[in-house]
Amino acid sequence: MDILELRRYCLSLPLAEECTPFDETTLVFKIGGKMFCYTDMVEFRWIAVKCDPDRAVLLRERYPELVTPAFHSNKRHWNGIRTDGDLPDAFIREQLRHS
C-alpha cells in the first residue's frame, strides 16, 4: 500500500477527515475528532493505527517484524504497521476499519 492508497481508503470511511496537527509531515486521519491513523508523509514506512489492547497484543505476536507498538503513542492502544513489508493491503485495510 502506498500513501495515496492509504489516503484514499481512510477518506472513504464515513465522516473521515485528514489534517496535519503536529507538523508538516505527519498526516493524521480522524473520525468525529478522534485520531484513528497517522503516518509520516516523507518516510512512508509505517502507519500507526488505534487498536483494541487485546487485539493489539495478538497482532504483535502473530506478525512480530511487521506489527509493533506504535512510536510516540500509547503502546497499549496503538500499533505500528509496516507498509513496506509483506502484509497484504487487505490486512492493512482491515486494521484501519477496526481502528
PDB file of N, CA and C in Angstrom:
ATOM      1  N   MET A   1       0.855  -1.175   0.000  1.00  0.00           N
ATOM      2  CA  MET A   1       0.000   0.000   0.000  1.00  0.00           C
ATOM      3  C   MET A   1       0.898   1.235   0.000  1.00  0.00           C
ATOM      4  N   ASP A   2       0.615   2.161  -0.878  1.00  0.00           N
ATOM      5  CA  ASP A   2       1.364   3.412  -0.872  1.00  0.00           C
ATOM      6  C   ASP A   2       0.533   4.490  -0.174  1.00  0.00           C
ATOM      7  N   ILE A   3       1.114   5.652  -0.010  1.00  0.00           N
ATOM      8  CA  ILE A   3       0.445   6.697   0.768  1.00  0.00           C
ATOM      9  C   ILE A   3      -0.829   7.196   0.085  1.00  0.00           C
ATOM     10  N   LEU A   4      -0.865   7.194  -1.233  1.00  0.00           N
ATOM     11  CA  LEU A   4      -2.083   7.624  -1.920  1.00  0.00           C
ATOM     12  C   LEU A   4      -3.222   6.635  -1.698  1.00  0.00           C
ATOM     13  N   GLU A   5      -2.895   5.348  -1.705  1.00  0.00           N
ATOM     14  CA  GLU A   5      -3.916   4.332  -1.421  1.00  0.00           C
ATOM     15  C   GLU A   5      -4.400   4.440   0.025  1.00  0.00           C
ATOM     16  N   LEU A   6      -3.471   4.678   0.948  1.00  0.00           N
ATOM     17  CA  LEU A   6      -3.853   4.866   2.355  1.00  0.00           C
ATOM     18  C   LEU A   6      -4.804   6.048   2.490  1.00  0.00           C
ATOM     19  N   ARG A   7      -4.424   7.154   1.902  1.00  0.00           N
ATOM     20  CA  ARG A   7      -5.250   8.364   1.986  1.00  0.00           C
ATOM     21  C   ARG A   7      -6.630   8.127   1.381  1.00  0.00           C
ATOM     22  N   ARG A   8      -6.664   7.531   0.218  1.00  0.00           N
ATOM     23  CA  ARG A   8      -7.932   7.263  -0.462  1.00  0.00           C
ATOM     24  C   ARG A   8      -8.825   6.364   0.403  1.00  0.00           C
ATOM     25  N   TYR A   9      -8.238   5.317   0.973  1.00  0.00           N
ATOM     26  CA  TYR A   9      -9.038   4.404   1.789  1.00  0.00           C
ATOM     27  C   TYR A   9      -9.525   5.082   3.075  1.00  0.00           C
ATOM     28  N   CYS A  10      -8.629   5.750   3.778  1.00  0.00           N
ATOM     29  CA  CYS A  10      -9.036   6.403   5.032  1.00  0.00           C
ATOM     30  C   CYS A  10     -10.144   7.420   4.797  1.00  0.00           C
ATOM     31  N   LEU A  11     -10.019   8.207   3.751  1.00  0.00           N
ATOM     32  CA  LEU A  11     -11.034   9.232   3.484  1.00  0.00           C
ATOM     33  C   LEU A  11     -12.335   8.645   2.950  1.00  0.00           C
ATOM     34  N   SER A  12     -12.317   7.375   2.556  1.00  0.00           N
ATOM     35  CA  SER A  12     -13.558   6.728   2.115  1.00  0.00           C
ATOM     36  C   SER A  12     -14.414   6.275   3.304  1.00  0.00           C
ATOM     37  N   LEU A  13     -13.833   6.243   4.482  1.00  0.00           N
ATOM     38  CA  LEU A  13     -14.586   5.843   5.673  1.00  0.00           C
ATOM     39  C   LEU A  13     -15.547   6.968   6.063  1.00  0.00           C
ATOM     40  N   PRO A  14     -16.729   6.630   6.554  1.00  0.00           N
ATOM     41  CA  PRO A  14     -17.731   7.653   6.880  1.00  0.00           C
ATOM     42  C   PRO A  14     -17.199   8.705   7.860  1.00  0.00           C
ATOM     43  N   LEU A  15     -17.376   9.959   7.484  1.00  0.00           N
ATOM     44  CA  LEU A  15     -17.025  11.127   8.299  1.00  0.00           C
ATOM     45  C   LEU A  15     -15.528  11.291   8.552  1.00  0.00           C
ATOM     46  N   ALA A  16     -14.693  10.596   7.799  1.00  0.00           N
ATOM     47  CA  ALA A  16     -13.241  10.707   7.991  1.00  0.00           C
ATOM     48  C   ALA A  16     -12.730  12.024   7.429  1.00  0.00           C
ATOM     49  N   GLU A  17     -11.720  12.552   8.084  1.00  0.00           N
ATOM     50  CA  GLU A  17     -11.062  13.777   7.626  1.00  0.00           C
ATOM     51  C   GLU A  17      -9.569  13.649   7.896  1.00  0.00           C
ATOM     52  N   GLU A  18      -8.786  14.470   7.201  1.00  0.00           N
ATOM     53  CA  GLU A  18      -7.341  14.443   7.386  1.00  0.00           C
ATOM     54  C   GLU A  18      -6.864  15.803   7.846  1.00  0.00           C
ATOM     55  N   CYS A  19      -5.729  15.806   8.547  1.00  0.00           N
ATOM     56  CA  CYS A  19      -5.142  17.064   8.998  1.00  0.00           C
ATOM     57  C   CYS A  19      -3.662  16.824   9.311  1.00  0.00           C
ATOM     58  N   THR A  20      -2.955  17.895   9.589  1.00  0.00           N
ATOM     59  CA  THR A  20      -1.548  17.812   9.982  1.00  0.00           C
ATOM     60  C   THR A  20      -1.362  18.633  11.260  1.00  0.00           C
ATOM     61  N   PRO A  21      -1.882  18.148  12.396  1.00  0.00           N
ATOM     62  CA  PRO A  21      -1.865  18.944  13.624  1.00  0.00           C
ATOM     63  C   PRO A  21      -0.509  19.015  14.326  1.00  0.00           C
ATOM     64  N   PHE A  22       0.398  18.109  14.022  1.00  0.00           N
ATOM     65  CA  PHE A  22       1.660  18.051  14.755  1.00  0.00           C
ATOM     66  C   PHE A  22       2.794  18.766  14.038  1.00  0.00           C
ATOM     67  N   ASP A  23       2.908  18.526  12.748  1.00  0.00           N
ATOM     68  CA  ASP A  23       3.942  19.157  11.930  1.00  0.00           C
ATOM     69  C   ASP A  23       3.556  18.987  10.463  1.00  0.00           C
ATOM     70  N   GLU A  24       4.415  19.457   9.576  1.00  0.00           N
ATOM     71  CA  GLU A  24       4.092  19.431   8.147  1.00  0.00           C
ATOM     72  C   GLU A  24       4.166  18.045   7.521  1.00  0.00           C
ATOM     73  N   THR A  25       4.790  17.090   8.187  1.00  0.00           N
ATOM     74  CA  THR A  25       4.980  15.779   7.565  1.00  0.00           C
ATOM     75  C   THR A  25       4.145  14.659   8.179  1.00  0.00           C
ATOM     76  N   THR A  26       3.512  14.908   9.314  1.00  0.00           N
ATOM     77  CA  THR A  26       2.704  13.863   9.954  1.00  0.00           C
ATOM     78  C   THR A  26       1.250  14.024   9.549  1.00  0.00           C
ATOM     79  N   LEU A  27       0.778  13.088   8.745  1.00  0.00           N
ATOM     80  CA  LEU A  27      -0.598  13.098   8.261  1.00  0.00           C
ATOM     81  C   LEU A  27      -1.462  12.297   9.227  1.00  0.00           C
ATOM     82  N   VAL A  28      -2.539  12.926   9.700  1.00  0.00           N
ATOM     83  CA  VAL A  28      -3.430  12.316  10.690  1.00  0.00           C
ATOM     84  C   VAL A  28      -4.817  12.168  10.081  1.00  0.00           C
ATOM     85  N   PHE A  29      -5.434  11.032  10.346  1.00  0.00           N
ATOM     86  CA  PHE A  29      -6.817  10.792   9.935  1.00  0.00           C
ATOM     87  C   PHE A  29      -7.669  10.683  11.189  1.00  0.00           C
ATOM     88  N   LYS A  30      -8.832  11.353  11.144  1.00  0.00           N
ATOM     89  CA  LYS A  30      -9.736  11.378  12.291  1.00  0.00           C
ATOM     90  C   LYS A  30     -11.156  11.077  11.848  1.00  0.00           C
ATOM     91  N   ILE A  31     -11.925  10.553  12.781  1.00  0.00           N
ATOM     92  CA  ILE A  31     -13.376  10.429  12.630  1.00  0.00           C
ATOM     93  C   ILE A  31     -13.982  10.976  13.911  1.00  0.00           C
ATOM     94  N   GLY A  32     -14.889  11.920  13.766  1.00  0.00           N
ATOM     95  CA  GLY A  32     -15.509  12.517  14.947  1.00  0.00           C
ATOM     96  C   GLY A  32     -14.508  13.213  15.843  1.00  0.00           C
ATOM     97  N   GLY A  33     -13.451  13.767  15.260  1.00  0.00           N
ATOM     98  CA  GLY A  33     -12.440  14.470  16.033  1.00  0.00           C
ATOM     99  C   GLY A  33     -11.437  13.570  16.732  1.00  0.00           C
ATOM    100  N   LYS A  34     -11.552  12.255  16.561  1.00  0.00           N
ATOM    101  CA  LYS A  34     -10.636  11.314  17.221  1.00  0.00           C
ATOM    102  C   LYS A  34      -9.726  10.648  16.193  1.00  0.00           C
ATOM    103  N   MET A  35      -8.442  10.651  16.502  1.00  0.00           N
ATOM    104  CA  MET A  35      -7.463  10.038  15.604  1.00  0.00           C
ATOM    105  C   MET A  35      -7.672   8.536  15.519  1.00  0.00           C
ATOM    106  N   PHE A  36      -7.542   8.012  14.296  1.00  0.00           N
ATOM    107  CA  PHE A  36      -7.540   6.560  14.142  1.00  0.00           C
ATOM    108  C   PHE A  36      -6.318   6.068  13.370  1.00  0.00           C
ATOM    109  N   CYS A  37      -5.587   6.988  12.746  1.00  0.00           N
ATOM    110  CA  CYS A  37      -4.400   6.602  11.985  1.00  0.00           C
ATOM    111  C   CYS A  37      -3.518   7.827  11.782  1.00  0.00           C
ATOM    112  N   TYR A  38      -2.199   7.607  11.797  1.00  0.00           N
ATOM    113  CA  TYR A  38      -1.277   8.667  11.394  1.00  0.00           C
ATOM    114  C   TYR A  38      -0.044   8.041  10.760  1.00  0.00           C
ATOM    115  N   THR A  39       0.636   8.850   9.960  1.00  0.00           N
ATOM    116  CA  THR A  39       1.838   8.373   9.278  1.00  0.00           C
ATOM    117  C   THR A  39       2.737   9.546   8.916  1.00  0.00           C
ATOM    118  N   ASP A  40       3.973   9.260   8.645  1.00  0.00           N
ATOM    119  CA  ASP A  40       4.917  10.250   8.150  1.00  0.00           C
ATOM    120  C   ASP A  40       4.812  10.267   6.628  1.00  0.00           C
ATOM    121  N   MET A  41       4.498  11.423   6.071  1.00  0.00           N
ATOM    122  CA  MET A  41       4.306  11.524   4.623  1.00  0.00           C
ATOM    123  C   MET A  41       5.613  11.435   3.843  1.00  0.00           C
ATOM    124  N   VAL A  42       6.733  11.765   4.475  1.00  0.00           N
ATOM    125  CA  VAL A  42       8.018  11.737   3.783  1.00  0.00           C
ATOM    126  C   VAL A  42       8.601  10.323   3.787  1.00  0.00           C
ATOM    127  N   GLU A  43       8.656   9.725   4.960  1.00  0.00           N
ATOM    128  CA  GLU A  43       9.179   8.356   5.094  1.00  0.00           C
ATOM    129  C   GLU A  43       8.013   7.414   5.349  1.00  0.00           C
ATOM    130  N   PHE A  44       7.280   7.117   4.339  1.00  0.00           N
ATOM    131  CA  PHE A  44       6.074   6.290   4.481  1.00  0.00           C
ATOM    132  C   PHE A  44       6.458   4.819   4.574  1.00  0.00           C
ATOM    133  N   ARG A  45       6.935   4.427   5.768  1.00  0.00           N
ATOM    134  CA  ARG A  45       7.287   3.022   6.001  1.00  0.00           C
ATOM    135  C   ARG A  45       6.377   2.383   7.037  1.00  0.00           C
ATOM    136  N   TRP A  46       5.745   3.188   7.854  1.00  0.00           N
ATOM    137  CA  TRP A  46       4.879   2.712   8.933  1.00  0.00           C
ATOM    138  C   TRP A  46       3.615   3.542   8.972  1.00  0.00           C
ATOM    139  N   ILE A  47       2.532   2.928   9.428  1.00  0.00           N
ATOM    140  CA  ILE A  47       1.353   3.688   9.827  1.00  0.00           C
ATOM    141  C   ILE A  47       1.050   3.289  11.262  1.00  0.00           C
ATOM    142  N   ALA A  48       0.528   4.214  12.015  1.00  0.00           N
ATOM    143  CA  ALA A  48       0.083   3.925  13.377  1.00  0.00           C
ATOM    144  C   ALA A  48      -1.437   3.877  13.351  1.00  0.00           C
ATOM    145  N   VAL A  49      -2.000   2.819  13.928  1.00  0.00           N
ATOM    146  CA  VAL A  49      -3.458   2.671  13.965  1.00  0.00           C
ATOM    147  C   VAL A  49      -3.904   2.352  15.385  1.00  0.00           C
ATOM    148  N   LYS A  50      -5.028   2.919  15.753  1.00  0.00           N
ATOM    149  CA  LYS A  50      -5.626   2.637  17.061  1.00  0.00           C
ATOM    150  C   LYS A  50      -6.130   1.201  17.046  1.00  0.00           C
ATOM    151  N   CYS A  51      -6.021   0.532  18.201  1.00  0.00           N
ATOM    152  CA  CYS A  51      -6.374  -0.884  18.233  1.00  0.00           C
ATOM    153  C   CYS A  51      -6.833  -1.281  19.632  1.00  0.00           C
ATOM    154  N   ASP A  52      -7.800  -2.180  19.686  1.00  0.00           N
ATOM    155  CA  ASP A  52      -8.206  -2.773  20.949  1.00  0.00           C
ATOM    156  C   ASP A  52      -6.966  -3.404  21.589  1.00  0.00           C
ATOM    157  N   PRO A  53      -6.725  -3.182  22.889  1.00  0.00           N
ATOM    158  CA  PRO A  53      -5.495  -3.684  23.518  1.00  0.00           C
ATOM    159  C   PRO A  53      -5.266  -5.190  23.367  1.00  0.00           C
ATOM    160  N   ASP A  54      -6.287  -6.005  23.535  1.00  0.00           N
ATOM    161  CA  ASP A  54      -6.103  -7.454  23.399  1.00  0.00           C
ATOM    162  C   ASP A  54      -5.752  -7.834  21.961  1.00  0.00           C
ATOM    163  N   ARG A  55      -6.432  -7.218  21.027  1.00  0.00           N
ATOM    164  CA  ARG A  55      -6.144  -7.482  19.611  1.00  0.00           C
ATOM    165  C   ARG A  55      -4.738  -6.996  19.252  1.00  0.00           C
ATOM    166  N   ALA A  56      -4.341  -5.860  19.821  1.00  0.00           N
ATOM    167  CA  ALA A  56      -3.009  -5.316  19.547  1.00  0.00           C
ATOM    168  C   ALA A  56      -1.928  -6.327  19.909  1.00  0.00           C
ATOM    169  N   VAL A  57      -2.056  -6.942  21.076  1.00  0.00           N
ATOM    170  CA  VAL A  57      -1.072  -7.931  21.524  1.00  0.00           C
ATOM    171  C   VAL A  57      -1.058  -9.141  20.591  1.00  0.00           C
ATOM    172  N   LEU A  58      -2.225  -9.625  20.219  1.00  0.00           N
ATOM    173  CA  LEU A  58      -2.298 -10.786  19.325  1.00  0.00           C
ATOM    174  C   LEU A  58      -1.629 -10.507  17.982  1.00  0.00           C
ATOM    175  N   LEU A  59      -1.884  -9.329  17.425  1.00  0.00           N
ATOM    176  CA  LEU A  59      -1.281  -8.984  16.131  1.00  0.00           C
ATOM    177  C   LEU A  59       0.234  -8.868  16.241  1.00  0.00           C
ATOM    178  N   ARG A  60       0.712  -8.308  17.335  1.00  0.00           N
ATOM    179  CA  ARG A  60       2.163  -8.178  17.535  1.00  0.00           C
ATOM    180  C   ARG A  60       2.826  -9.545  17.652  1.00  0.00           C
ATOM    181  N   GLU A  61       2.135 -10.481  18.310  1.00  0.00           N
ATOM    182  CA  GLU A  61       2.681 -11.835  18.446  1.00  0.00           C
ATOM    183  C   GLU A  61       2.662 -12.581  17.108  1.00  0.00           C
ATOM    184  N   ARG A  62       1.626 -12.362  16.342  1.00  0.00           N
ATOM    185  CA  ARG A  62       1.483 -13.070  15.066  1.00  0.00           C
ATOM    186  C   ARG A  62       2.430 -12.535  13.987  1.00  0.00           C
ATOM    187  N   TYR A  63       2.648 -11.216  13.991  1.00  0.00           N
ATOM    188  CA  TYR A  63       3.495 -10.569  12.973  1.00  0.00           C
ATOM    189  C   TYR A  63       4.576  -9.726  13.662  1.00  0.00           C
ATOM    190  N   PRO A  64       5.510 -10.345  14.384  1.00  0.00           N
ATOM    191  CA  PRO A  64       6.448  -9.579  15.216  1.00  0.00           C
ATOM    192  C   PRO A  64       7.356  -8.611  14.456  1.00  0.00           C
ATOM    193  N   GLU A  65       7.640  -8.868  13.218  1.00  0.00           N
ATOM    194  CA  GLU A  65       8.503  -7.971  12.442  1.00  0.00           C
ATOM    195  C   GLU A  65       7.717  -6.857  11.748  1.00  0.00           C
ATOM    196  N   LEU A  66       6.410  -7.027  11.659  1.00  0.00           N
ATOM    197  CA  LEU A  66       5.596  -6.108  10.859  1.00  0.00           C
ATOM    198  C   LEU A  66       4.587  -5.297  11.664  1.00  0.00           C
ATOM    199  N   VAL A  67       4.233  -5.775  12.840  1.00  0.00           N
ATOM    200  CA  VAL A  67       3.288  -5.059  13.706  1.00  0.00           C
ATOM    201  C   VAL A  67       3.942  -4.926  15.075  1.00  0.00           C
ATOM    202  N   THR A  68       4.131  -3.683  15.511  1.00  0.00           N
ATOM    203  CA  THR A  68       4.811  -3.400  16.776  1.00  0.00           C
ATOM    204  C   THR A  68       4.055  -2.297  17.513  1.00  0.00           C
ATOM    205  N   PRO A  69       4.390  -2.061  18.781  1.00  0.00           N
ATOM    206  CA  PRO A  69       3.787  -0.909  19.454  1.00  0.00           C
ATOM    207  C   PRO A  69       4.154   0.367  18.686  1.00  0.00           C
ATOM    208  N   ALA A  70       3.201   1.244  18.514  1.00  0.00           N
ATOM    209  CA  ALA A  70       3.434   2.457  17.717  1.00  0.00           C
ATOM    210  C   ALA A  70       4.334   3.441  18.460  1.00  0.00           C
ATOM    211  N   PHE A  71       5.255   4.006  17.718  1.00  0.00           N
ATOM    212  CA  PHE A  71       6.170   5.013  18.238  1.00  0.00           C
ATOM    213  C   PHE A  71       5.385   6.283  18.557  1.00  0.00           C
ATOM    214  N   HIS A  72       5.722   6.962  19.626  1.00  0.00           N
ATOM    215  CA  HIS A  72       5.089   8.229  20.033  1.00  0.00           C
ATOM    216  C   HIS A  72       3.623   8.088  20.430  1.00  0.00           C
ATOM    217  N   SER A  73       3.173   6.901  20.784  1.00  0.00           N
ATOM    218  CA  SER A  73       1.762   6.712  21.135  1.00  0.00           C
ATOM    219  C   SER A  73       1.645   5.809  22.351  1.00  0.00           C
ATOM    220  N   ASN A  74       0.450   5.758  22.908  1.00  0.00           N
ATOM    221  CA  ASN A  74       0.164   4.833  23.994  1.00  0.00           C
ATOM    222  C   ASN A  74       0.307   3.423  23.433  1.00  0.00           C
ATOM    223  N   LYS A  75       1.317   2.725  23.870  1.00  0.00           N
ATOM    224  CA  LYS A  75       1.647   1.410  23.301  1.00  0.00           C
ATOM    225  C   LYS A  75       0.540   0.385  23.523  1.00  0.00           C
ATOM    226  N   ARG A  76      -0.301   0.607  24.501  1.00  0.00           N
ATOM    227  CA  ARG A  76      -1.393  -0.330  24.776  1.00  0.00           C
ATOM    228  C   ARG A  76      -2.480  -0.238  23.705  1.00  0.00           C
ATOM    229  N   HIS A  77      -2.691   0.959  23.172  1.00  0.00           N
ATOM    230  CA  HIS A  77      -3.817   1.209  22.274  1.00  0.00           C
ATOM    231  C   HIS A  77      -3.439   1.462  20.816  1.00  0.00           C
ATOM    232  N   TRP A  78      -2.152   1.543  20.512  1.00  0.00           N
ATOM    233  CA  TRP A  78      -1.737   1.881  19.154  1.00  0.00           C
ATOM    234  C   TRP A  78      -0.712   0.881  18.640  1.00  0.00           C
ATOM    235  N   ASN A  79      -0.907   0.407  17.427  1.00  0.00           N
ATOM    236  CA  ASN A  79       0.047  -0.466  16.743  1.00  0.00           C
ATOM    237  C   ASN A  79       0.698   0.282  15.599  1.00  0.00           C
ATOM    238  N   GLY A  80       1.958  -0.008  15.381  1.00  0.00           N
ATOM    239  CA  GLY A  80       2.653   0.443  14.191  1.00  0.00           C
ATOM    240  C   GLY A  80       2.656  -0.698  13.186  1.00  0.00           C
ATOM    241  N   ILE A  81       2.258  -0.414  11.967  1.00  0.00           N
ATOM    242  CA  ILE A  81       2.184  -1.442  10.928  1.00  0.00           C
ATOM    243  C   ILE A  81       3.095  -1.033   9.775  1.00  0.00           C
ATOM    244  N   ARG A  82       4.003  -1.927   9.404  1.00  0.00           N
ATOM    245  CA  ARG A  82       4.914  -1.632   8.290  1.00  0.00           C
ATOM    246  C   ARG A  82       4.146  -1.630   6.980  1.00  0.00           C
ATOM    247  N   THR A  83       4.382  -0.624   6.184  1.00  0.00           N
ATOM    248  CA  THR A  83       3.745  -0.547   4.870  1.00  0.00           C
ATOM    249  C   THR A  83       4.664  -1.073   3.778  1.00  0.00           C
ATOM    250  N   ASP A  84       5.930  -1.292   4.115  1.00  0.00           N
ATOM    251  CA  ASP A  84       6.881  -1.777   3.115  1.00  0.00           C
ATOM    252  C   ASP A  84       7.229  -3.249   3.337  1.00  0.00           C
ATOM    253  N   GLY A  85       6.382  -3.944   4.089  1.00  0.00           N
ATOM    254  CA  GLY A  85       6.632  -5.355   4.383  1.00  0.00           C
ATOM    255  C   GLY A  85       5.773  -6.267   3.540  1.00  0.00           C
ATOM    256  N   ASP A  86       5.552  -7.444   4.068  1.00  0.00           N
ATOM    257  CA  ASP A  86       4.819  -8.476   3.336  1.00  0.00           C
ATOM    258  C   ASP A  86       3.337  -8.545   3.690  1.00  0.00           C
ATOM    259  N   LEU A  87       2.836  -7.575   4.427  1.00  0.00           N
ATOM    260  CA  LEU A  87       1.418  -7.608   4.782  1.00  0.00           C
ATOM    261  C   LEU A  87       0.568  -7.194   3.587  1.00  0.00           C
ATOM    262  N   PRO A  88      -0.459  -7.954   3.273  1.00  0.00           N
ATOM    263  CA  PRO A  88      -1.327  -7.583   2.150  1.00  0.00           C
ATOM    264  C   PRO A  88      -2.129  -6.319   2.460  1.00  0.00           C
ATOM    265  N   ASP A  89      -2.463  -5.587   1.410  1.00  0.00           N
ATOM    266  CA  ASP A  89      -3.270  -4.373   1.568  1.00  0.00           C
ATOM    267  C   ASP A  89      -4.582  -4.670   2.274  1.00  0.00           C
ATOM    268  N   ALA A  90      -5.165  -5.827   2.020  1.00  0.00           N
ATOM    269  CA  ALA A  90      -6.434  -6.186   2.673  1.00  0.00           C
ATOM    270  C   ALA A  90      -6.265  -6.244   4.188  1.00  0.00           C
ATOM    271  N   PHE A  91      -5.129  -6.726   4.661  1.00  0.00           N
ATOM    272  CA  PHE A  91      -4.856  -6.761   6.099  1.00  0.00           C
ATOM    273  C   PHE A  91      -4.783  -5.343   6.659  1.00  0.00           C
ATOM    274  N   ILE A  92      -4.080  -4.469   5.951  1.00  0.00           N
ATOM    275  CA  ILE A  92      -3.945  -3.082   6.402  1.00  0.00           C
ATOM    276  C   ILE A  92      -5.310  -2.402   6.420  1.00  0.00           C
ATOM    277  N   ARG A  93      -6.106  -2.606   5.387  1.00  0.00           N
ATOM    278  CA  ARG A  93      -7.453  -2.017   5.363  1.00  0.00           C
ATOM    279  C   ARG A  93      -8.296  -2.535   6.528  1.00  0.00           C
ATOM    280  N   GLU A  94      -8.172  -3.814   6.850  1.00  0.00           N
ATOM    281  CA  GLU A  94      -8.921  -4.381   7.979  1.00  0.00           C
ATOM    282  C   GLU A  94      -8.534  -3.690   9.288  1.00  0.00           C
ATOM    283  N   GLN A  95      -7.227  -3.430   9.459  1.00  0.00           N
ATOM    284  CA  GLN A  95      -6.785  -2.750  10.681  1.00  0.00           C
ATOM    285  C   GLN A  95      -7.299  -1.311  10.722  1.00  0.00           C
ATOM    286  N   LEU A  96      -7.358  -0.668   9.581  1.00  0.00           N
ATOM    287  CA  LEU A  96      -7.892   0.697   9.523  1.00  0.00           C
ATOM    288  C   LEU A  96      -9.379   0.713   9.863  1.00  0.00           C
ATOM    289  N   ARG A  97     -10.131  -0.252   9.362  1.00  0.00           N
ATOM    290  CA  ARG A  97     -11.563  -0.335   9.700  1.00  0.00           C
ATOM    291  C   ARG A  97     -11.749  -0.571  11.192  1.00  0.00           C
ATOM    292  N   HIS A  98     -10.949  -1.462  11.751  1.00  0.00           N
ATOM    293  CA  HIS A  98     -11.030  -1.747  13.187  1.00  0.00           C
ATOM    294  C   HIS A  98     -10.690  -0.506  14.006  1.00  0.00           C
ATOM    295  N   SER A  99      -9.720   0.247  13.515  1.00  0.00           N
ATOM    296  CA  SER A  99      -9.243   1.428  14.210  1.00  0.00           C
ATOM    297  C   SER A  99     -10.346   2.453  14.365  1.00  0.00           C
TER     298      SER A  99
END
